[in-house]
Amino acid sequence: MKARELAKRFAYIGAGAGLVLFAIIGLLPGSFLGGVMGLNVAGMLFGLPVSPGILPRLIVGVFMLLGILVSGIVFVMGSTLIAWLLGYAVGAIVEPKGEVATQQAKTK
């Protein structure tokens, strides 16, 4: 098995693990942190305490969604990258030295 194929498989596994971790760990904190940032922005624009109008609520809601999106990107991309690098390392260790030399000779 080539190191690239092994790295690709590891990356898929890492992406799946990242999705699970995001659903368990990252969803709620992403929403909370985005909501706090939204409250700060709405407070700067409309004054504190924030009024219960439509626009401040919309700003808080958009920032909550952005917080969830950023949290998801960090979890999924981070775990995918770590697993991909781990796959390349395992592929380099597992693959015999003779196969590496013949594969390099074939690509040249």
PDB file of N, CA and C in Angstrom:
ATOM      1  N   MET A   1       0.846  -1.179   0.000  1.00  0.00           N
ATOM      2  CA  MET A   1       0.000   0.000   0.000  1.00  0.00           C
ATOM      3  C   MET A   1       0.891   1.242   0.000  1.00  0.00           C
ATOM      4  N   LYS A   2       0.575   2.170  -0.831  1.00  0.00           N
ATOM      5  CA  LYS A   2       1.362   3.388  -0.915  1.00  0.00           C
ATOM      6  C   LYS A   2       1.093   4.271   0.297  1.00  0.00           C
ATOM      7  N   ALA A   3       2.071   5.105   0.598  1.00  0.00           N
ATOM      8  CA  ALA A   3       1.931   6.008   1.744  1.00  0.00           C
ATOM      9  C   ALA A   3       0.813   7.015   1.500  1.00  0.00           C
ATOM     10  N   ARG A   4       0.621   7.416   0.243  1.00  0.00           N
ATOM     11  CA  ARG A   4      -0.444   8.387  -0.061  1.00  0.00           C
ATOM     12  C   ARG A   4      -1.825   7.806   0.187  1.00  0.00           C
ATOM     13  N   GLU A   5      -2.011   6.545  -0.213  1.00  0.00           N
ATOM     14  CA  GLU A   5      -3.312   5.902   0.004  1.00  0.00           C
ATOM     15  C   GLU A   5      -3.599   5.743   1.487  1.00  0.00           C
ATOM     16  N   LEU A   6      -2.574   5.367   2.239  1.00  0.00           N
ATOM     17  CA  LEU A   6      -2.741   5.213   3.678  1.00  0.00           C
ATOM     18  C   LEU A   6      -3.039   6.564   4.328  1.00  0.00           C
ATOM     19  N   ALA A   7      -2.358   7.614   3.880  1.00  0.00           N
ATOM     20  CA  ALA A   7      -2.604   8.955   4.422  1.00  0.00           C
ATOM     21  C   ALA A   7      -4.024   9.411   4.103  1.00  0.00           C
ATOM     22  N   LYS A   8      -4.520   9.063   2.905  1.00  0.00           N
ATOM     23  CA  LYS A   8      -5.880   9.439   2.518  1.00  0.00           C
ATOM     24  C   LYS A   8      -6.905   8.737   3.401  1.00  0.00           C
ATOM     25  N   ARG A   9      -6.679   7.450   3.645  1.00  0.00           N
ATOM     26  CA  ARG A   9      -7.594   6.712   4.528  1.00  0.00           C
ATOM     27  C   ARG A   9      -7.577   7.274   5.941  1.00  0.00           C
ATOM     28  N   PHE A  10      -6.396   7.563   6.437  1.00  0.00           N
ATOM     29  CA  PHE A  10      -6.291   8.157   7.766  1.00  0.00           C
ATOM     30  C   PHE A  10      -7.002   9.514   7.811  1.00  0.00           C
ATOM     31  N   ALA A  11      -6.897  10.300   6.734  1.00  0.00           N
ATOM     32  CA  ALA A  11      -7.547  11.617   6.700  1.00  0.00           C
ATOM     33  C   ALA A  11      -9.061  11.472   6.769  1.00  0.00           C
ATOM     34  N   TYR A  12      -9.617  10.476   6.075  1.00  0.00           N
ATOM     35  CA  TYR A  12     -11.065  10.254   6.156  1.00  0.00           C
ATOM     36  C   TYR A  12     -11.481   9.860   7.566  1.00  0.00           C
ATOM     37  N   ILE A  13     -10.703   9.017   8.193  1.00  0.00           N
ATOM     38  CA  ILE A  13     -11.003   8.611   9.564  1.00  0.00           C
ATOM     39  C   ILE A  13     -10.904   9.816  10.496  1.00  0.00           C
ATOM     40  N   GLY A  14      -9.881  10.643  10.291  1.00  0.00           N
ATOM     41  CA  GLY A  14      -9.721  11.845  11.106  1.00  0.00           C
ATOM     42  C   GLY A  14     -10.861  12.835  10.922  1.00  0.00           C
ATOM     43  N   ALA A  15     -11.362  12.964   9.695  1.00  0.00           N
ATOM     44  CA  ALA A  15     -12.493  13.866   9.452  1.00  0.00           C
ATOM     45  C   ALA A  15     -13.747  13.359  10.163  1.00  0.00           C
ATOM     46  N   GLY A  16     -13.964  12.063  10.130  1.00  0.00           N
ATOM     47  CA  GLY A  16     -15.106  11.500  10.843  1.00  0.00           C
ATOM     48  C   GLY A  16     -14.986  11.691  12.343  1.00  0.00           C
ATOM     49  N   ALA A  17     -13.790  11.471  12.865  1.00  0.00           N
ATOM     50  CA  ALA A  17     -13.573  11.685  14.297  1.00  0.00           C
ATOM     51  C   ALA A  17     -13.751  13.157  14.663  1.00  0.00           C
ATOM     52  N   GLY A  18     -13.316  14.053  13.768  1.00  0.00           N
ATOM     53  CA  GLY A  18     -13.491  15.485  14.014  1.00  0.00           C
ATOM     54  C   GLY A  18     -14.955  15.884  14.041  1.00  0.00           C
ATOM     55  N   LEU A  19     -15.758  15.297  13.161  1.00  0.00           N
ATOM     56  CA  LEU A  19     -17.200  15.581  13.179  1.00  0.00           C
ATOM     57  C   LEU A  19     -17.840  15.123  14.485  1.00  0.00           C
ATOM     58  N   VAL A  20     -17.446  13.939  14.937  1.00  0.00           N
ATOM     59  CA  VAL A  20     -17.996  13.432  16.198  1.00  0.00           C
ATOM     60  C   VAL A  20     -17.563  14.313  17.360  1.00  0.00           C
ATOM     61  N   LEU A  21     -16.287  14.678  17.401  1.00  0.00           N
ATOM     62  CA  LEU A  21     -15.806  15.551  18.469  1.00  0.00           C
ATOM     63  C   LEU A  21     -16.481  16.917  18.431  1.00  0.00           C
ATOM     64  N   PHE A  22     -16.698  17.437  17.229  1.00  0.00           N
ATOM     65  CA  PHE A  22     -17.393  18.721  17.120  1.00  0.00           C
ATOM     66  C   PHE A  22     -18.806  18.620  17.660  1.00  0.00           C
ATOM     67  N   ALA A  23     -19.506  17.543  17.332  1.00  0.00           N
ATOM     68  CA  ALA A  23     -20.882  17.388  17.806  1.00  0.00           C
ATOM     69  C   ALA A  23     -20.934  17.243  19.317  1.00  0.00           C
ATOM     70  N   ILE A  24     -19.937  16.562  19.896  1.00  0.00           N
ATOM     71  CA  ILE A  24     -19.949  16.332  21.344  1.00  0.00           C
ATOM     72  C   ILE A  24     -19.391  17.526  22.115  1.00  0.00           C
ATOM     73  N   ILE A  25     -18.268  18.060  21.651  1.00  0.00           N
ATOM     74  CA  ILE A  25     -17.538  19.065  22.429  1.00  0.00           C
ATOM     75  C   ILE A  25     -17.681  20.486  21.897  1.00  0.00           C
ATOM     76  N   GLY A  26     -17.716  20.678  20.583  1.00  0.00           N
ATOM     77  CA  GLY A  26     -17.554  22.007  20.024  1.00  0.00           C
ATOM     78  C   GLY A  26     -18.816  22.787  19.721  1.00  0.00           C
ATOM     79  N   LEU A  27     -19.946  22.130  19.628  1.00  0.00           N
ATOM     80  CA  LEU A  27     -21.165  22.813  19.196  1.00  0.00           C
ATOM     81  C   LEU A  27     -21.644  23.853  20.212  1.00  0.00           C
ATOM     82  N   LEU A  28     -21.774  23.451  21.446  1.00  0.00           N
ATOM     83  CA  LEU A  28     -22.285  24.361  22.474  1.00  0.00           C
ATOM     84  C   LEU A  28     -21.312  25.493  22.792  1.00  0.00           C
ATOM     85  N   PRO A  29     -20.018  25.221  23.017  1.00  0.00           N
ATOM     86  CA  PRO A  29     -19.097  26.341  23.265  1.00  0.00           C
ATOM     87  C   PRO A  29     -18.973  27.300  22.078  1.00  0.00           C
ATOM     88  N   GLY A  30     -19.044  26.771  20.852  1.00  0.00           N
ATOM     89  CA  GLY A  30     -19.003  27.649  19.682  1.00  0.00           C
ATOM     90  C   GLY A  30     -20.188  28.595  19.661  1.00  0.00           C
ATOM     91  N   SER A  31     -21.340  28.077  20.029  1.00  0.00           N
ATOM     92  CA  SER A  31     -22.544  28.902  20.089  1.00  0.00           C
ATOM     93  C   SER A  31     -22.435  29.954  21.199  1.00  0.00           C
ATOM     94  N   PHE A  32     -21.934  29.540  22.344  1.00  0.00           N
ATOM     95  CA  PHE A  32     -21.792  30.482  23.460  1.00  0.00           C
ATOM     96  C   PHE A  32     -20.802  31.593  23.139  1.00  0.00           C
ATOM     97  N   LEU A  33     -19.638  31.228  22.631  1.00  0.00           N
ATOM     98  CA  LEU A  33     -18.623  32.240  22.335  1.00  0.00           C
ATOM     99  C   LEU A  33     -19.080  33.179  21.218  1.00  0.00           C
ATOM    100  N   GLY A  34     -19.736  32.629  20.196  1.00  0.00           N
ATOM    101  CA  GLY A  34     -20.281  33.481  19.144  1.00  0.00           C
ATOM    102  C   GLY A  34     -21.366  34.411  19.667  1.00  0.00           C
ATOM    103  N   GLY A  35     -22.195  33.917  20.573  1.00  0.00           N
ATOM    104  CA  GLY A  35     -23.237  34.759  21.165  1.00  0.00           C
ATOM    105  C   GLY A  35     -22.664  35.893  21.996  1.00  0.00           C
ATOM    106  N   VAL A  36     -21.605  35.610  22.736  1.00  0.00           N
ATOM    107  CA  VAL A  36     -20.959  36.653  23.536  1.00  0.00           C
ATOM    108  C   VAL A  36     -20.341  37.717  22.632  1.00  0.00           C
ATOM    109  N   MET A  37     -19.699  37.263  21.545  1.00  0.00           N
ATOM    110  CA  MET A  37     -19.146  38.240  20.601  1.00  0.00           C
ATOM    111  C   MET A  37     -20.263  39.059  19.968  1.00  0.00           C
ATOM    112  N   GLY A  38     -21.376  38.412  19.640  1.00  0.00           N
ATOM    113  CA  GLY A  38     -22.515  39.134  19.076  1.00  0.00           C
ATOM    114  C   GLY A  38     -23.092  40.149  20.043  1.00  0.00           C
ATOM    115  N   LEU A  39     -23.176  39.782  21.322  1.00  0.00           N
ATOM    116  CA  LEU A  39     -23.653  40.738  22.326  1.00  0.00           C
ATOM    117  C   LEU A  39     -22.715  41.924  22.462  1.00  0.00           C
ATOM    118  N   ASN A  40     -21.419  41.669  22.389  1.00  0.00           N
ATOM    119  CA  ASN A  40     -20.455  42.776  22.460  1.00  0.00           C
ATOM    120  C   ASN A  40     -20.604  43.718  21.263  1.00  0.00           C
ATOM    121  N   VAL A  41     -20.756  43.152  20.081  1.00  0.00           N
ATOM    122  CA  VAL A  41     -20.910  43.989  18.883  1.00  0.00           C
ATOM    123  C   VAL A  41     -22.231  44.759  18.946  1.00  0.00           C
ATOM    124  N   ALA A  42     -23.304  44.078  19.326  1.00  0.00           N
ATOM    125  CA  ALA A  42     -24.595  44.760  19.425  1.00  0.00           C
ATOM    126  C   ALA A  42     -24.569  45.823  20.515  1.00  0.00           C
ATOM    127  N   GLY A  43     -23.853  45.558  21.603  1.00  0.00           N
ATOM    128  CA  GLY A  43     -23.714  46.564  22.663  1.00  0.00           C
ATOM    129  C   GLY A  43     -22.950  47.782  22.203  1.00  0.00           C
ATOM    130  N   MET A  44     -21.916  47.580  21.362  1.00  0.00           N
ATOM    131  CA  MET A  44     -21.169  48.728  20.844  1.00  0.00           C
ATOM    132  C   MET A  44     -22.015  49.541  19.873  1.00  0.00           C
ATOM    133  N   LEU A  45     -22.854  48.856  19.084  1.00  0.00           N
ATOM    134  CA  LEU A  45     -23.656  49.572  18.086  1.00  0.00           C
ATOM    135  C   LEU A  45     -24.892  50.238  18.677  1.00  0.00           C
ATOM    136  N   PHE A  46     -25.565  49.553  19.608  1.00  0.00           N
ATOM    137  CA  PHE A  46     -26.852  50.040  20.109  1.00  0.00           C
ATOM    138  C   PHE A  46     -26.827  50.459  21.573  1.00  0.00           C
ATOM    139  N   GLY A  47     -25.712  50.314  22.230  1.00  0.00           N
ATOM    140  CA  GLY A  47     -25.606  50.683  23.627  1.00  0.00           C
ATOM    141  C   GLY A  47     -26.006  49.534  24.550  1.00  0.00           C
ATOM    142  N   LEU A  48     -25.423  49.578  25.750  1.00  0.00           N
ATOM    143  CA  LEU A  48     -25.736  48.560  26.749  1.00  0.00           C
ATOM    144  C   LEU A  48     -26.743  49.104  27.738  1.00  0.00           C
ATOM    145  N   PRO A  49     -27.650  48.369  28.260  1.00  0.00           N
ATOM    146  CA  PRO A  49     -27.989  46.993  27.905  1.00  0.00           C
ATOM    147  C   PRO A  49     -28.618  46.936  26.511  1.00  0.00           C
ATOM    148  N   VAL A  50     -28.421  45.805  25.843  1.00  0.00           N
ATOM    149  CA  VAL A  50     -28.902  45.640  24.478  1.00  0.00           C
ATOM    150  C   VAL A  50     -30.421  45.550  24.488  1.00  0.00           C
ATOM    151  N   SER A  51     -31.052  46.332  23.631  1.00  0.00           N
ATOM    152  CA  SER A  51     -32.511  46.327  23.558  1.00  0.00           C
ATOM    153  C   SER A  51     -33.002  45.056  22.867  1.00  0.00           C
ATOM    154  N   PRO A  52     -34.227  44.648  23.136  1.00  0.00           N
ATOM    155  CA  PRO A  52     -34.742  43.413  22.524  1.00  0.00           C
ATOM    156  C   PRO A  52     -35.304  43.625  21.117  1.00  0.00           C
ATOM    157  N   GLY A  53     -34.705  44.490  20.350  1.00  0.00           N
ATOM    158  CA  GLY A  53     -35.166  44.752  18.986  1.00  0.00           C
ATOM    159  C   GLY A  53     -34.746  43.656  18.019  1.00  0.00           C
ATOM    160  N   ILE A  54     -35.222  43.792  16.794  1.00  0.00           N
ATOM    161  CA  ILE A  54     -34.953  42.785  15.778  1.00  0.00           C
ATOM    162  C   ILE A  54     -33.485  42.799  15.357  1.00  0.00           C
ATOM    163  N   LEU A  55     -32.926  43.975  15.115  1.00  0.00           N
ATOM    164  CA  LEU A  55     -31.554  44.062  14.614  1.00  0.00           C
ATOM    165  C   LEU A  55     -30.522  43.540  15.622  1.00  0.00           C
ATOM    166  N   PRO A  56     -30.597  43.903  16.912  1.00  0.00           N
ATOM    167  CA  PRO A  56     -29.633  43.311  17.853  1.00  0.00           C
ATOM    168  C   PRO A  56     -29.760  41.786  17.953  1.00  0.00           C
ATOM    169  N   ARG A  57     -30.974  41.278  17.897  1.00  0.00           N
ATOM    170  CA  ARG A  57     -31.157  39.820  17.934  1.00  0.00           C
ATOM    171  C   ARG A  57     -30.576  39.170  16.683  1.00  0.00           C
ATOM    172  N   LEU A  58     -30.744  39.807  15.556  1.00  0.00           N
ATOM    173  CA  LEU A  58     -30.198  39.292  14.312  1.00  0.00           C
ATOM    174  C   LEU A  58     -28.668  39.262  14.356  1.00  0.00           C
ATOM    175  N   ILE A  59     -28.076  40.310  14.896  1.00  0.00           N
ATOM    176  CA  ILE A  59     -26.618  40.364  15.020  1.00  0.00           C
ATOM    177  C   ILE A  59     -26.118  39.245  15.926  1.00  0.00           C
ATOM    178  N   VAL A  60     -26.772  39.038  17.047  1.00  0.00           N
ATOM    179  CA  VAL A  60     -26.364  37.974  17.974  1.00  0.00           C
ATOM    180  C   VAL A  60     -26.533  36.608  17.312  1.00  0.00           C
ATOM    181  N   GLY A  61     -27.621  36.416  16.598  1.00  0.00           N
ATOM    182  CA  GLY A  61     -27.852  35.139  15.922  1.00  0.00           C
ATOM    183  C   GLY A  61     -26.823  34.844  14.850  1.00  0.00           C
ATOM    184  N   VAL A  62     -26.469  35.855  14.074  1.00  0.00           N
ATOM    185  CA  VAL A  62     -25.453  35.670  13.029  1.00  0.00           C
ATOM    186  C   VAL A  62     -24.105  35.335  13.657  1.00  0.00           C
ATOM    187  N   PHE A  63     -23.756  36.005  14.736  1.00  0.00           N
ATOM    188  CA  PHE A  63     -22.486  35.708  15.387  1.00  0.00           C
ATOM    189  C   PHE A  63     -22.496  34.328  16.037  1.00  0.00           C
ATOM    190  N   MET A  64     -23.647  33.883  16.525  1.00  0.00           N
ATOM    191  CA  MET A  64     -23.733  32.525  17.061  1.00  0.00           C
ATOM    192  C   MET A  64     -23.480  31.501  15.954  1.00  0.00           C
ATOM    193  N   LEU A  65     -24.064  31.722  14.789  1.00  0.00           N
ATOM    194  CA  LEU A  65     -23.822  30.819  13.667  1.00  0.00           C
ATOM    195  C   LEU A  65     -22.363  30.856  13.220  1.00  0.00           C
ATOM    196  N   LEU A  66     -21.758  32.031  13.209  1.00  0.00           N
ATOM    197  CA  LEU A  66     -20.338  32.132  12.859  1.00  0.00           C
ATOM    198  C   LEU A  66     -19.458  31.404  13.877  1.00  0.00           C
ATOM    199  N   GLY A  67     -19.809  31.491  15.149  1.00  0.00           N
ATOM    200  CA  GLY A  67     -19.053  30.773  16.175  1.00  0.00           C
ATOM    201  C   GLY A  67     -19.141  29.273  15.995  1.00  0.00           C
ATOM    202  N   ILE A  68     -20.330  28.776  15.644  1.00  0.00           N
ATOM    203  CA  ILE A  68     -20.498  27.350  15.387  1.00  0.00           C
ATOM    204  C   ILE A  68     -19.711  26.945  14.150  1.00  0.00           C
ATOM    205  N   LEU A  69     -19.745  27.751  13.113  1.00  0.00           N
ATOM    206  CA  LEU A  69     -19.019  27.454  11.878  1.00  0.00           C
ATOM    207  C   LEU A  69     -17.514  27.405  12.109  1.00  0.00           C
ATOM    208  N   VAL A  70     -16.986  28.363  12.819  1.00  0.00           N
ATOM    209  CA  VAL A  70     -15.546  28.390  13.094  1.00  0.00           C
ATOM    210  C   VAL A  70     -15.145  27.205  13.965  1.00  0.00           C
ATOM    211  N   SER A  71     -15.954  26.883  14.945  1.00  0.00           N
ATOM    212  CA  SER A  71     -15.673  25.733  15.793  1.00  0.00           C
ATOM    213  C   SER A  71     -15.658  24.442  14.977  1.00  0.00           C
ATOM    214  N   GLY A  72     -16.611  24.288  14.077  1.00  0.00           N
ATOM    215  CA  GLY A  72     -16.650  23.104  13.224  1.00  0.00           C
ATOM    216  C   GLY A  72     -15.445  23.015  12.313  1.00  0.00           C
ATOM    217  N   ILE A  73     -15.053  24.135  11.738  1.00  0.00           N
ATOM    218  CA  ILE A  73     -13.879  24.143  10.861  1.00  0.00           C
ATOM    219  C   ILE A  73     -12.623  23.754  11.638  1.00  0.00           C
ATOM    220  N   VAL A  74     -12.473  24.291  12.837  1.00  0.00           N
ATOM    221  CA  VAL A  74     -11.289  23.981  13.638  1.00  0.00           C
ATOM    222  C   VAL A  74     -11.249  22.503  13.998  1.00  0.00           C
ATOM    223  N   PHE A  75     -12.366  21.946  14.447  1.00  0.00           N
ATOM    224  CA  PHE A  75     -12.379  20.538  14.848  1.00  0.00           C
ATOM    225  C   PHE A  75     -12.152  19.617  13.656  1.00  0.00           C
ATOM    226  N   VAL A  76     -12.880  19.822  12.577  1.00  0.00           N
ATOM    227  CA  VAL A  76     -12.797  18.902  11.440  1.00  0.00           C
ATOM    228  C   VAL A  76     -11.465  19.047  10.715  1.00  0.00           C
ATOM    229  N   MET A  77     -11.055  20.258  10.415  1.00  0.00           N
ATOM    230  CA  MET A  77      -9.800  20.440   9.685  1.00  0.00           C
ATOM    231  C   MET A  77      -8.593  20.064  10.543  1.00  0.00           C
ATOM    232  N   GLY A  78      -8.654  20.381  11.813  1.00  0.00           N
ATOM    233  CA  GLY A  78      -7.545  20.027  12.697  1.00  0.00           C
ATOM    234  C   GLY A  78      -7.358  18.529  12.824  1.00  0.00           C
ATOM    235  N   SER A  79      -8.442  17.809  13.060  1.00  0.00           N
ATOM    236  CA  SER A  79      -8.327  16.354  13.195  1.00  0.00           C
ATOM    237  C   SER A  79      -7.979  15.695  11.862  1.00  0.00           C
ATOM    238  N   THR A  80      -8.471  16.236  10.758  1.00  0.00           N
ATOM    239  CA  THR A  80      -8.108  15.701   9.444  1.00  0.00           C
ATOM    240  C   THR A  80      -6.626  15.890   9.171  1.00  0.00           C
ATOM    241  N   LEU A  81      -6.094  17.052   9.460  1.00  0.00           N
ATOM    242  CA  LEU A  81      -4.679  17.325   9.236  1.00  0.00           C
ATOM    243  C   LEU A  81      -3.798  16.437  10.107  1.00  0.00           C
ATOM    244  N   ILE A  82      -4.149  16.294  11.367  1.00  0.00           N
ATOM    245  CA  ILE A  82      -3.362  15.448  12.267  1.00  0.00           C
ATOM    246  C   ILE A  82      -3.381  14.001  11.792  1.00  0.00           C
ATOM    247  N   ALA A  83      -4.551  13.499  11.419  1.00  0.00           N
ATOM    248  CA  ALA A  83      -4.651  12.114  10.954  1.00  0.00           C
ATOM    249  C   ALA A  83      -3.922  11.919   9.627  1.00  0.00           C
ATOM    250  N   TRP A  84      -3.971  12.902   8.735  1.00  0.00           N
ATOM    251  CA  TRP A  84      -3.279  12.807   7.454  1.00  0.00           C
ATOM    252  C   TRP A  84      -1.769  12.715   7.668  1.00  0.00           C
ATOM    253  N   LEU A  85      -1.241  13.568   8.545  1.00  0.00           N
ATOM    254  CA  LEU A  85       0.186  13.526   8.848  1.00  0.00           C
ATOM    255  C   LEU A  85       0.572  12.204   9.512  1.00  0.00           C
ATOM    256  N   LEU A  86      -0.282  11.707  10.386  1.00  0.00           N
ATOM    257  CA  LEU A  86      -0.042  10.419  11.027  1.00  0.00           C
ATOM    258  C   LEU A  86      -0.058   9.298   9.990  1.00  0.00           C
ATOM    259  N   GLY A  87      -0.945   9.373   9.014  1.00  0.00           N
ATOM    260  CA  GLY A  87      -0.996   8.380   7.944  1.00  0.00           C
ATOM    261  C   GLY A  87       0.266   8.376   7.104  1.00  0.00           C
ATOM    262  N   TYR A  88       0.790   9.557   6.795  1.00  0.00           N
ATOM    263  CA  TYR A  88       2.049   9.612   6.056  1.00  0.00           C
ATOM    264  C   TYR A  88       3.194   9.019   6.877  1.00  0.00           C
ATOM    265  N   ALA A  89       3.213   9.303   8.167  1.00  0.00           N
ATOM    266  CA  ALA A  89       4.280   8.762   9.017  1.00  0.00           C
ATOM    267  C   ALA A  89       4.189   7.245   9.104  1.00  0.00           C
ATOM    268  N   VAL A  90       2.990   6.718   9.298  1.00  0.00           N
ATOM    269  CA  VAL A  90       2.813   5.272   9.366  1.00  0.00           C
ATOM    270  C   VAL A  90       3.135   4.639   8.024  1.00  0.00           C
ATOM    271  N   GLY A  91       2.737   5.259   6.941  1.00  0.00           N
ATOM    272  CA  GLY A  91       3.038   4.740   5.612  1.00  0.00           C
ATOM    273  C   GLY A  91       4.527   4.702   5.332  1.00  0.00           C
ATOM    274  N   ALA A  92       5.251   5.697   5.803  1.00  0.00           N
ATOM    275  CA  ALA A  92       6.700   5.720   5.605  1.00  0.00           C
ATOM    276  C   ALA A  92       7.387   4.658   6.447  1.00  0.00           C
ATOM    277  N   ILE A  93       6.838   4.368   7.618  1.00  0.00           N
ATOM    278  CA  ILE A  93       7.435   3.353   8.488  1.00  0.00           C
ATOM    279  C   ILE A  93       7.120   1.953   7.980  1.00  0.00           C
ATOM    280  N   VAL A  94       5.880   1.729   7.561  1.00  0.00           N
ATOM    281  CA  VAL A  94       5.431   0.397   7.178  1.00  0.00           C
ATOM    282  C   VAL A  94       5.963  -0.020   5.814  1.00  0.00           C
ATOM    283  N   GLU A  95       6.054   0.902   4.886  1.00  0.00           N
ATOM    284  CA  GLU A  95       6.449   0.580   3.521  1.00  0.00           C
ATOM    285  C   GLU A  95       7.919   0.168   3.465  1.00  0.00           C
ATOM    286  N   PRO A  96       8.217  -0.973   2.868  1.00  0.00           N
ATOM    287  CA  PRO A  96       9.609  -1.426   2.782  1.00  0.00           C
ATOM    288  C   PRO A  96      10.460  -0.472   1.949  1.00  0.00           C
ATOM    289  N   LYS A  97      11.746  -0.455   2.228  1.00  0.00           N
ATOM    290  CA  LYS A  97      12.661   0.478   1.549  1.00  0.00           C
ATOM    291  C   LYS A  97      12.763   0.196   0.057  1.00  0.00           C
ATOM    292  N   GLY A  98      12.739  -1.063  -0.353  1.00  0.00           N
ATOM    293  CA  GLY A  98      12.862  -1.402  -1.770  1.00  0.00           C
ATOM    294  C   GLY A  98      11.700  -0.876  -2.586  1.00  0.00           C
ATOM    295  N   GLU A  99      10.482  -0.890  -2.012  1.00  0.00           N
ATOM    296  CA  GLU A  99       9.316  -0.389  -2.744  1.00  0.00           C
ATOM    297  C   GLU A  99       9.385   1.110  -2.943  1.00  0.00           C
ATOM    298  N   VAL A 100       9.937   1.811  -1.979  1.00  0.00           N
ATOM    299  CA  VAL A 100      10.055   3.268  -2.096  1.00  0.00           C
ATOM    300  C   VAL A 100      10.994   3.598  -3.258  1.00  0.00           C
ATOM    301  N   ALA A 101      12.104   2.898  -3.361  1.00  0.00           N
ATOM    302  CA  ALA A 101      13.070   3.175  -4.423  1.00  0.00           C
ATOM    303  C   ALA A 101      12.493   2.847  -5.785  1.00  0.00           C
ATOM    304  N   THR A 102      11.738   1.739  -5.904  1.00  0.00           N
ATOM    305  CA  THR A 102      11.147   1.397  -7.199  1.00  0.00           C
ATOM    306  C   THR A 102      10.028   2.361  -7.575  1.00  0.00           C
ATOM    307  N   GLN A 103       9.267   2.836  -6.592  1.00  0.00           N
ATOM    308  CA  GLN A 103       8.202   3.805  -6.893  1.00  0.00           C
ATOM    309  C   GLN A 103       8.802   5.123  -7.333  1.00  0.00           C
ATOM    310  N   GLN A 104       9.899   5.528  -6.709  1.00  0.00           N
ATOM    311  CA  GLN A 104      10.539   6.778  -7.106  1.00  0.00           C
ATOM    312  C   GLN A 104      11.140   6.655  -8.497  1.00  0.00           C
ATOM    313  N   ALA A 105      11.670   5.501  -8.821  1.00  0.00           N
ATOM    314  CA  ALA A 105      12.240   5.280 -10.157  1.00  0.00           C
ATOM    315  C   ALA A 105      11.136   5.285 -11.217  1.00  0.00           C
ATOM    316  N   LYS A 106       9.957   4.758 -10.892  1.00  0.00           N
ATOM    317  CA  LYS A 106       8.844   4.732 -11.842  1.00  0.00           C
ATOM    318  C   LYS A 106       8.300   6.133 -12.108  1.00  0.00           C
ATOM    319  N   THR A 107       8.274   6.986 -11.087  1.00  0.00           N
ATOM    320  CA  THR A 107       7.717   8.332 -11.265  1.00  0.00           C
ATOM    321  C   THR A 107       8.666   9.230 -12.035  1.00  0.00           C
ATOM    322  N   LYS A 108       9.956   8.923 -12.032  1.00  0.00           N
ATOM    323  CA  LYS A 108      10.918   9.771 -12.759  1.00  0.00           C
ATOM    324  C   LYS A 108      10.941   9.408 -14.176  1.00  0.00           C
TER     325      LYS A 108
END
